[in-house]
């Protein structure tokens, strides 16, 4: 069993870790929740763990590049002041109260919550070599323009999932004309014709959609791929 260990620094845990959820408010608000038809988006929404804000924090940036150009407040108070201005240039830095450790060459990819957009501030992504790191790391967000942002208590501070850089480096990217793979060409043409016909009939609303990817099947066989996933079950925190 592969493991990611969150080694908390204090008896009182502040930054809680929870499995990422598939739901997004903006996706719920689309007509008939149309956005959830995009299975790749629903999958990536839940293929990680979320670190939650331990308290409400308000950050204001005046547009300057120095550290004092950002002010940080905790409206409801907190013993763990996890938000800082450490780099300037409108960068808001979050600290955690745990050290993440992994095994072998497993790293942790940290980012903002998938398919989630926060007004006037964007997450800065990073990959941390947690297989050797004996100290904490930070998560950073950058203001887009001067103004104020609020992260509410229990709002997602950042998400993370494991990645192996050696595995990524093991891949070669090859380009070739599709005609060199007749089997793939035939499968693609079967799908393309089916999709074109489906669109021309105007049956793309409500339940009248093909669901090939959702079901994990291709029109040339209608046989479900045995490795296909329509949801991801990441482990709960023990």
C-alpha atoms as a PDB file:
ATOM      1  CA  UNK A   1       0.000   0.000   0.000  1.00  0.00           C
ATOM      2  CA  UNK A   2       1.402   3.376  -1.003  1.00  0.00           C
ATOM      3  CA  UNK A   3       1.332   6.018   1.731  1.00  0.00           C
ATOM      4  CA  UNK A   4       1.350   9.767   2.139  1.00  0.00           C
ATOM      5  CA  UNK A   5       1.941  10.630   5.791  1.00  0.00           C
ATOM      6  CA  UNK A   6       0.903  13.964   7.283  1.00  0.00           C
ATOM      7  CA  UNK A   7       3.091  14.380  10.367  1.00  0.00           C
ATOM      8  CA  UNK A   8       1.352  16.998  12.517  1.00  0.00           C
ATOM      9  CA  UNK A   9       3.590  19.271  14.539  1.00  0.00           C
ATOM     10  CA  UNK A  10       1.231  19.833  17.476  1.00  0.00           C
ATOM     11  CA  UNK A  11      -1.372  17.876  19.402  1.00  0.00           C
ATOM     12  CA  UNK A  12      -4.032  20.317  18.220  1.00  0.00           C
ATOM     13  CA  UNK A  13      -4.365  19.819  14.459  1.00  0.00           C
ATOM     14  CA  UNK A  14      -5.183  23.048  12.609  1.00  0.00           C
ATOM     15  CA  UNK A  15      -5.014  22.376   8.852  1.00  0.00           C
ATOM     16  CA  UNK A  16      -7.361  19.451   8.261  1.00  0.00           C
ATOM     17  CA  UNK A  17      -6.986  17.148   5.248  1.00  0.00           C
ATOM     18  CA  UNK A  18     -10.059  15.701   3.519  1.00  0.00           C
ATOM     19  CA  UNK A  19     -10.707  13.827   0.253  1.00  0.00           C
ATOM     20  CA  UNK A  20     -11.530  16.213  -2.583  1.00  0.00           C
ATOM     21  CA  UNK A  21     -15.192  16.350  -3.567  1.00  0.00           C
ATOM     22  CA  UNK A  22     -16.562  16.127  -7.138  1.00  0.00           C
ATOM     23  CA  UNK A  23     -19.082  18.958  -6.769  1.00  0.00           C
ATOM     24  CA  UNK A  24     -18.536  22.585  -7.774  1.00  0.00           C
ATOM     25  CA  UNK A  25     -21.145  25.313  -7.312  1.00  0.00           C
ATOM     26  CA  UNK A  26     -20.715  26.714 -10.812  1.00  0.00           C
ATOM     27  CA  UNK A  27     -21.179  23.199 -12.228  1.00  0.00           C
ATOM     28  CA  UNK A  28     -24.320  22.745 -10.106  1.00  0.00           C
ATOM     29  CA  UNK A  29     -25.647  26.028 -11.506  1.00  0.00           C
ATOM     30  CA  UNK A  30     -25.422  24.962 -15.171  1.00  0.00           C
ATOM     31  CA  UNK A  31     -28.724  23.933 -16.816  1.00  0.00           C
ATOM     32  CA  UNK A  32     -29.535  20.350 -15.793  1.00  0.00           C
ATOM     33  CA  UNK A  33     -26.041  20.362 -14.216  1.00  0.00           C
ATOM     34  CA  UNK A  34     -24.765  20.063 -17.760  1.00  0.00           C
ATOM     35  CA  UNK A  35     -21.106  20.575 -16.732  1.00  0.00           C
ATOM     36  CA  UNK A  36     -21.018  17.176 -15.007  1.00  0.00           C
ATOM     37  CA  UNK A  37     -21.383  15.504 -18.404  1.00  0.00           C
ATOM     38  CA  UNK A  38     -17.682  16.237 -18.769  1.00  0.00           C
ATOM     39  CA  UNK A  39     -16.399  13.209 -16.884  1.00  0.00           C
ATOM     40  CA  UNK A  40     -12.732  14.312 -17.073  1.00  0.00           C
ATOM     41  CA  UNK A  41     -13.646  17.429 -15.067  1.00  0.00           C
ATOM     42  CA  UNK A  42     -15.631  15.443 -12.503  1.00  0.00           C
ATOM     43  CA  UNK A  43     -12.772  12.971 -12.144  1.00  0.00           C
ATOM     44  CA  UNK A  44     -10.067  15.580 -11.637  1.00  0.00           C
ATOM     45  CA  UNK A  45     -12.258  17.362  -9.078  1.00  0.00           C
ATOM     46  CA  UNK A  46     -11.996  14.333  -6.800  1.00  0.00           C
ATOM     47  CA  UNK A  47      -8.551  12.903  -7.645  1.00  0.00           C
ATOM     48  CA  UNK A  48      -6.748  14.622  -4.776  1.00  0.00           C
ATOM     49  CA  UNK A  49      -6.948  15.639  -1.142  1.00  0.00           C
ATOM     50  CA  UNK A  50      -7.855  19.114   0.124  1.00  0.00           C
ATOM     51  CA  UNK A  51      -6.211  21.069   2.917  1.00  0.00           C
ATOM     52  CA  UNK A  52      -8.756  23.316   4.650  1.00  0.00           C
ATOM     53  CA  UNK A  53      -8.267  26.789   6.089  1.00  0.00           C
ATOM     54  CA  UNK A  54      -8.176  26.558   9.896  1.00  0.00           C
ATOM     55  CA  UNK A  55      -9.714  30.034  10.257  1.00  0.00           C
ATOM     56  CA  UNK A  56     -11.145  32.867   8.184  1.00  0.00           C
ATOM     57  CA  UNK A  57      -8.412  35.113   6.801  1.00  0.00           C
ATOM     58  CA  UNK A  58      -8.658  38.432   4.953  1.00  0.00           C
ATOM     59  CA  UNK A  59      -5.799  39.669   2.762  1.00  0.00           C
ATOM     60  CA  UNK A  60      -5.527  43.123   1.176  1.00  0.00           C
ATOM     61  CA  UNK A  61      -2.930  44.110  -1.435  1.00  0.00           C
ATOM     62  CA  UNK A  62      -2.276  47.697  -2.520  1.00  0.00           C
ATOM     63  CA  UNK A  63      -0.358  46.766  -5.674  1.00  0.00           C
ATOM     64  CA  UNK A  64       3.144  47.336  -4.332  1.00  0.00           C
ATOM     65  CA  UNK A  65       6.001  44.835  -4.484  1.00  0.00           C
ATOM     66  CA  UNK A  66       7.233  44.947  -0.869  1.00  0.00           C
ATOM     67  CA  UNK A  67       6.078  42.728   1.991  1.00  0.00           C
ATOM     68  CA  UNK A  68       4.170  45.483   3.886  1.00  0.00           C
ATOM     69  CA  UNK A  69       2.103  46.174   0.755  1.00  0.00           C
ATOM     70  CA  UNK A  70      -0.088  43.257   1.794  1.00  0.00           C
ATOM     71  CA  UNK A  71      -1.989  43.270   5.067  1.00  0.00           C
ATOM     72  CA  UNK A  72      -3.517  40.159   6.636  1.00  0.00           C
ATOM     73  CA  UNK A  73      -6.301  39.974   9.200  1.00  0.00           C
ATOM     74  CA  UNK A  74      -8.043  37.156  11.071  1.00  0.00           C
ATOM     75  CA  UNK A  75     -11.577  38.516  11.722  1.00  0.00           C
ATOM     76  CA  UNK A  76     -12.478  35.788  14.204  1.00  0.00           C
ATOM     77  CA  UNK A  77      -9.018  35.322  15.667  1.00  0.00           C
ATOM     78  CA  UNK A  78      -6.804  32.227  15.584  1.00  0.00           C
ATOM     79  CA  UNK A  79      -3.878  30.774  17.508  1.00  0.00           C
ATOM     80  CA  UNK A  80      -2.235  29.552  14.302  1.00  0.00           C
ATOM     81  CA  UNK A  81      -1.550  32.504  12.019  1.00  0.00           C
ATOM     82  CA  UNK A  82      -1.011  30.494   8.875  1.00  0.00           C
ATOM     83  CA  UNK A  83      -1.234  33.269   6.234  1.00  0.00           C
ATOM     84  CA  UNK A  84       1.764  35.504   5.572  1.00  0.00           C
ATOM     85  CA  UNK A  85       3.222  38.040   3.154  1.00  0.00           C
ATOM     86  CA  UNK A  86       6.672  36.535   2.604  1.00  0.00           C
ATOM     87  CA  UNK A  87       7.610  37.164  -1.026  1.00  0.00           C
ATOM     88  CA  UNK A  88       6.019  40.468  -1.988  1.00  0.00           C
ATOM     89  CA  UNK A  89       4.589  41.124  -5.447  1.00  0.00           C
ATOM     90  CA  UNK A  90       1.066  40.334  -4.322  1.00  0.00           C
ATOM     91  CA  UNK A  91       1.828  36.747  -3.258  1.00  0.00           C
ATOM     92  CA  UNK A  92      -0.196  35.370  -0.340  1.00  0.00           C
ATOM     93  CA  UNK A  93       1.572  32.494   1.416  1.00  0.00           C
ATOM     94  CA  UNK A  94      -0.147  29.762   3.410  1.00  0.00           C
ATOM     95  CA  UNK A  95       1.694  27.638   5.980  1.00  0.00           C
ATOM     96  CA  UNK A  96       0.623  24.216   7.243  1.00  0.00           C
ATOM     97  CA  UNK A  97       1.036  22.576  10.629  1.00  0.00           C
ATOM     98  CA  UNK A  98       2.265  19.257   9.262  1.00  0.00           C
ATOM     99  CA  UNK A  99       5.200  17.750   7.400  1.00  0.00           C
ATOM    100  CA  UNK A 100       4.232  15.495   4.498  1.00  0.00           C
ATOM    101  CA  UNK A 101       6.443  12.465   3.914  1.00  0.00           C
ATOM    102  CA  UNK A 102       6.329   9.927   1.087  1.00  0.00           C
ATOM    103  CA  UNK A 103       8.362   6.899   0.075  1.00  0.00           C
ATOM    104  CA  UNK A 104      10.597   5.921  -2.848  1.00  0.00           C
ATOM    105  CA  UNK A 105      10.611   8.830  -5.324  1.00  0.00           C
ATOM    106  CA  UNK A 106       7.016   9.924  -4.756  1.00  0.00           C
ATOM    107  CA  UNK A 107       6.472  13.674  -4.710  1.00  0.00           C
ATOM    108  CA  UNK A 108       3.424  15.772  -3.898  1.00  0.00           C
ATOM    109  CA  UNK A 109       1.856  18.043  -6.528  1.00  0.00           C
ATOM    110  CA  UNK A 110       0.230  21.046  -4.822  1.00  0.00           C
ATOM    111  CA  UNK A 111      -2.287  23.276  -6.578  1.00  0.00           C
ATOM    112  CA  UNK A 112      -5.564  25.104  -6.177  1.00  0.00           C
ATOM    113  CA  UNK A 113      -8.787  23.061  -6.155  1.00  0.00           C
ATOM    114  CA  UNK A 114      -9.511  21.750  -9.656  1.00  0.00           C
ATOM    115  CA  UNK A 115     -12.054  23.617 -11.798  1.00  0.00           C
ATOM    116  CA  UNK A 116     -12.537  26.222  -9.105  1.00  0.00           C
ATOM    117  CA  UNK A 117     -11.994  29.924  -9.669  1.00  0.00           C
ATOM    118  CA  UNK A 118     -11.511  32.490  -6.927  1.00  0.00           C
ATOM    119  CA  UNK A 119     -11.987  36.141  -7.809  1.00  0.00           C
ATOM    120  CA  UNK A 120      -8.835  38.268  -8.070  1.00  0.00           C
ATOM    121  CA  UNK A 121      -6.384  35.590  -6.918  1.00  0.00           C
ATOM    122  CA  UNK A 122      -4.838  32.555  -8.586  1.00  0.00           C
ATOM    123  CA  UNK A 123      -3.046  29.516  -7.099  1.00  0.00           C
ATOM    124  CA  UNK A 124       0.641  28.982  -7.847  1.00  0.00           C
ATOM    125  CA  UNK A 125       1.300  25.277  -8.392  1.00  0.00           C
ATOM    126  CA  UNK A 126       4.337  23.349  -7.236  1.00  0.00           C
ATOM    127  CA  UNK A 127       5.829  19.863  -6.974  1.00  0.00           C
ATOM    128  CA  UNK A 128       7.571  19.054  -3.670  1.00  0.00           C
ATOM    129  CA  UNK A 129      10.055  16.199  -3.197  1.00  0.00           C
ATOM    130  CA  UNK A 130       8.444  14.943  -0.010  1.00  0.00           C
ATOM    131  CA  UNK A 131      10.345  11.632  -0.149  1.00  0.00           C
ATOM    132  CA  UNK A 132      13.347  13.355   1.457  1.00  0.00           C
ATOM    133  CA  UNK A 133      11.952  16.616   2.832  1.00  0.00           C
ATOM    134  CA  UNK A 134      11.992  16.854   6.681  1.00  0.00           C
ATOM    135  CA  UNK A 135      10.244  20.225   6.934  1.00  0.00           C
ATOM    136  CA  UNK A 136       7.043  21.975   5.955  1.00  0.00           C
ATOM    137  CA  UNK A 137       6.310  23.622   2.613  1.00  0.00           C
ATOM    138  CA  UNK A 138       4.066  26.542   1.706  1.00  0.00           C
ATOM    139  CA  UNK A 139       1.197  27.083  -0.724  1.00  0.00           C
ATOM    140  CA  UNK A 140       1.121  30.400  -2.541  1.00  0.00           C
ATOM    141  CA  UNK A 141      -1.634  32.381  -4.265  1.00  0.00           C
ATOM    142  CA  UNK A 142      -1.018  35.511  -6.360  1.00  0.00           C
ATOM    143  CA  UNK A 143      -3.298  38.518  -6.544  1.00  0.00           C
ATOM    144  CA  UNK A 144      -4.308  39.479 -10.079  1.00  0.00           C
ATOM    145  CA  UNK A 145      -4.744  43.147  -9.162  1.00  0.00           C
ATOM    146  CA  UNK A 146      -4.900  45.288  -6.002  1.00  0.00           C
ATOM    147  CA  UNK A 147      -7.847  44.515  -3.776  1.00  0.00           C
ATOM    148  CA  UNK A 148      -9.115  42.193  -1.055  1.00  0.00           C
ATOM    149  CA  UNK A 149      -9.738  38.463  -0.866  1.00  0.00           C
ATOM    150  CA  UNK A 150     -11.235  36.373   1.924  1.00  0.00           C
ATOM    151  CA  UNK A 151     -10.626  32.695   2.544  1.00  0.00           C
ATOM    152  CA  UNK A 152     -13.353  31.415   4.844  1.00  0.00           C
ATOM    153  CA  UNK A 153     -12.775  28.857   7.579  1.00  0.00           C
ATOM    154  CA  UNK A 154     -12.841  25.337   6.065  1.00  0.00           C
ATOM    155  CA  UNK A 155     -12.493  26.718   2.542  1.00  0.00           C
ATOM    156  CA  UNK A 156     -10.002  24.783   0.437  1.00  0.00           C
ATOM    157  CA  UNK A 157      -6.540  26.259   0.978  1.00  0.00           C
ATOM    158  CA  UNK A 158      -4.971  23.927  -1.576  1.00  0.00           C
ATOM    159  CA  UNK A 159      -5.227  20.421  -3.035  1.00  0.00           C
ATOM    160  CA  UNK A 160      -2.501  17.827  -3.505  1.00  0.00           C
ATOM    161  CA  UNK A 161      -1.902  14.437  -5.092  1.00  0.00           C
ATOM    162  CA  UNK A 162       1.146  12.153  -5.539  1.00  0.00           C
ATOM    163  CA  UNK A 163       3.355  12.248  -8.611  1.00  0.00           C
ATOM    164  CA  UNK A 164       6.632  10.546  -9.528  1.00  0.00           C
ATOM    165  CA  UNK A 165       8.978  12.712 -11.586  1.00  0.00           C
ATOM    166  CA  UNK A 166      10.977   9.657 -12.664  1.00  0.00           C
ATOM    167  CA  UNK A 167       7.780   8.165 -14.097  1.00  0.00           C
ATOM    168  CA  UNK A 168       7.091  11.354 -16.041  1.00  0.00           C
ATOM    169  CA  UNK A 169      10.631  11.396 -17.408  1.00  0.00           C
ATOM    170  CA  UNK A 170      10.273   7.791 -18.583  1.00  0.00           C
ATOM    171  CA  UNK A 171       7.861   8.800 -21.359  1.00  0.00           C
ATOM    172  CA  UNK A 172       8.705   9.698 -24.938  1.00  0.00           C
ATOM    173  CA  UNK A 173       6.323  11.796 -27.014  1.00  0.00           C
ATOM    174  CA  UNK A 174       5.960  10.482 -30.564  1.00  0.00           C
ATOM    175  CA  UNK A 175       4.048  12.048 -33.439  1.00  0.00           C
ATOM    176  CA  UNK A 176       2.910  10.197 -36.553  1.00  0.00           C
ATOM    177  CA  UNK A 177       0.145  10.293 -39.180  1.00  0.00           C
ATOM    178  CA  UNK A 178      -2.924   8.363 -38.039  1.00  0.00           C
ATOM    179  CA  UNK A 179      -2.919   6.445 -41.365  1.00  0.00           C
ATOM    180  CA  UNK A 180       0.053   4.473 -40.038  1.00  0.00           C
ATOM    181  CA  UNK A 181      -2.280   2.877 -37.497  1.00  0.00           C
ATOM    182  CA  UNK A 182      -5.171   1.466 -39.593  1.00  0.00           C
ATOM    183  CA  UNK A 183      -6.932  -0.023 -36.556  1.00  0.00           C
ATOM    184  CA  UNK A 184      -6.990   3.321 -34.748  1.00  0.00           C
ATOM    185  CA  UNK A 185      -8.054   5.064 -37.955  1.00  0.00           C
ATOM    186  CA  UNK A 186     -11.035   2.747 -38.347  1.00  0.00           C
ATOM    187  CA  UNK A 187     -12.085   3.207 -34.725  1.00  0.00           C
ATOM    188  CA  UNK A 188     -11.783   6.981 -35.031  1.00  0.00           C
ATOM    189  CA  UNK A 189     -13.811   7.135 -38.235  1.00  0.00           C
ATOM    190  CA  UNK A 190     -16.546   5.018 -36.652  1.00  0.00           C
ATOM    191  CA  UNK A 191     -16.718   7.401 -33.703  1.00  0.00           C
ATOM    192  CA  UNK A 192     -16.503  10.524 -35.861  1.00  0.00           C
ATOM    193  CA  UNK A 193     -19.375   9.396 -38.107  1.00  0.00           C
ATOM    194  CA  UNK A 194     -21.497   8.458 -35.093  1.00  0.00           C
ATOM    195  CA  UNK A 195     -20.826  11.801 -33.429  1.00  0.00           C
ATOM    196  CA  UNK A 196     -21.581  13.812 -36.570  1.00  0.00           C
ATOM    197  CA  UNK A 197     -24.856  11.981 -37.086  1.00  0.00           C
ATOM    198  CA  UNK A 198     -25.802  12.479 -33.440  1.00  0.00           C
ATOM    199  CA  UNK A 199     -25.174  16.236 -33.626  1.00  0.00           C
ATOM    200  CA  UNK A 200     -27.060  16.604 -36.914  1.00  0.00           C
ATOM    201  CA  UNK A 201     -30.155  15.014 -35.379  1.00  0.00           C
ATOM    202  CA  UNK A 202     -30.115  17.737 -32.725  1.00  0.00           C
ATOM    203  CA  UNK A 203     -30.347  15.207 -29.903  1.00  0.00           C
ATOM    204  CA  UNK A 204     -27.706  16.715 -27.634  1.00  0.00           C
ATOM    205  CA  UNK A 205     -29.987  17.965 -24.833  1.00  0.00           C
ATOM    206  CA  UNK A 206     -31.312  16.272 -21.711  1.00  0.00           C
ATOM    207  CA  UNK A 207     -30.756  12.531 -21.654  1.00  0.00           C
ATOM    208  CA  UNK A 208     -30.263  12.298 -25.401  1.00  0.00           C
ATOM    209  CA  UNK A 209     -26.503  12.310 -25.400  1.00  0.00           C
ATOM    210  CA  UNK A 210     -24.213   9.485 -26.338  1.00  0.00           C
ATOM    211  CA  UNK A 211     -22.306   9.019 -23.080  1.00  0.00           C
ATOM    212  CA  UNK A 212     -19.521   7.072 -24.809  1.00  0.00           C
ATOM    213  CA  UNK A 213     -16.819   8.472 -22.560  1.00  0.00           C
ATOM    214  CA  UNK A 214     -19.069   8.436 -19.491  1.00  0.00           C
ATOM    215  CA  UNK A 215     -19.716   4.724 -20.025  1.00  0.00           C
ATOM    216  CA  UNK A 216     -16.161   3.897 -21.073  1.00  0.00           C
ATOM    217  CA  UNK A 217     -17.211   2.436 -24.416  1.00  0.00           C
ATOM    218  CA  UNK A 218     -16.402   3.105 -28.078  1.00  0.00           C
ATOM    219  CA  UNK A 219     -19.033   2.897 -30.856  1.00  0.00           C
ATOM    220  CA  UNK A 220     -17.039   0.340 -32.824  1.00  0.00           C
ATOM    221  CA  UNK A 221     -17.576  -2.293 -30.123  1.00  0.00           C
ATOM    222  CA  UNK A 222     -19.885  -0.907 -27.382  1.00  0.00           C
ATOM    223  CA  UNK A 223     -17.768  -2.933 -24.966  1.00  0.00           C
ATOM    224  CA  UNK A 224     -16.816  -1.197 -21.732  1.00  0.00           C
ATOM    225  CA  UNK A 225     -13.117  -0.828 -21.057  1.00  0.00           C
ATOM    226  CA  UNK A 226     -12.445  -2.792 -17.877  1.00  0.00           C
ATOM    227  CA  UNK A 227     -10.093  -0.106 -16.503  1.00  0.00           C
ATOM    228  CA  UNK A 228     -12.527   2.775 -17.048  1.00  0.00           C
ATOM    229  CA  UNK A 229     -13.443   4.868 -13.984  1.00  0.00           C
ATOM    230  CA  UNK A 230     -16.439   7.120 -13.523  1.00  0.00           C
ATOM    231  CA  UNK A 231     -15.331   8.165 -10.033  1.00  0.00           C
ATOM    232  CA  UNK A 232     -12.205   8.117  -7.893  1.00  0.00           C
ATOM    233  CA  UNK A 233     -12.130   6.812  -4.334  1.00  0.00           C
ATOM    234  CA  UNK A 234      -9.202   8.449  -2.585  1.00  0.00           C
ATOM    235  CA  UNK A 235      -8.688   7.271   0.962  1.00  0.00           C
ATOM    236  CA  UNK A 236     -10.039   9.075   3.988  1.00  0.00           C
ATOM    237  CA  UNK A 237      -7.579  10.457   6.499  1.00  0.00           C
ATOM    238  CA  UNK A 238      -6.914   8.071   9.356  1.00  0.00           C
END
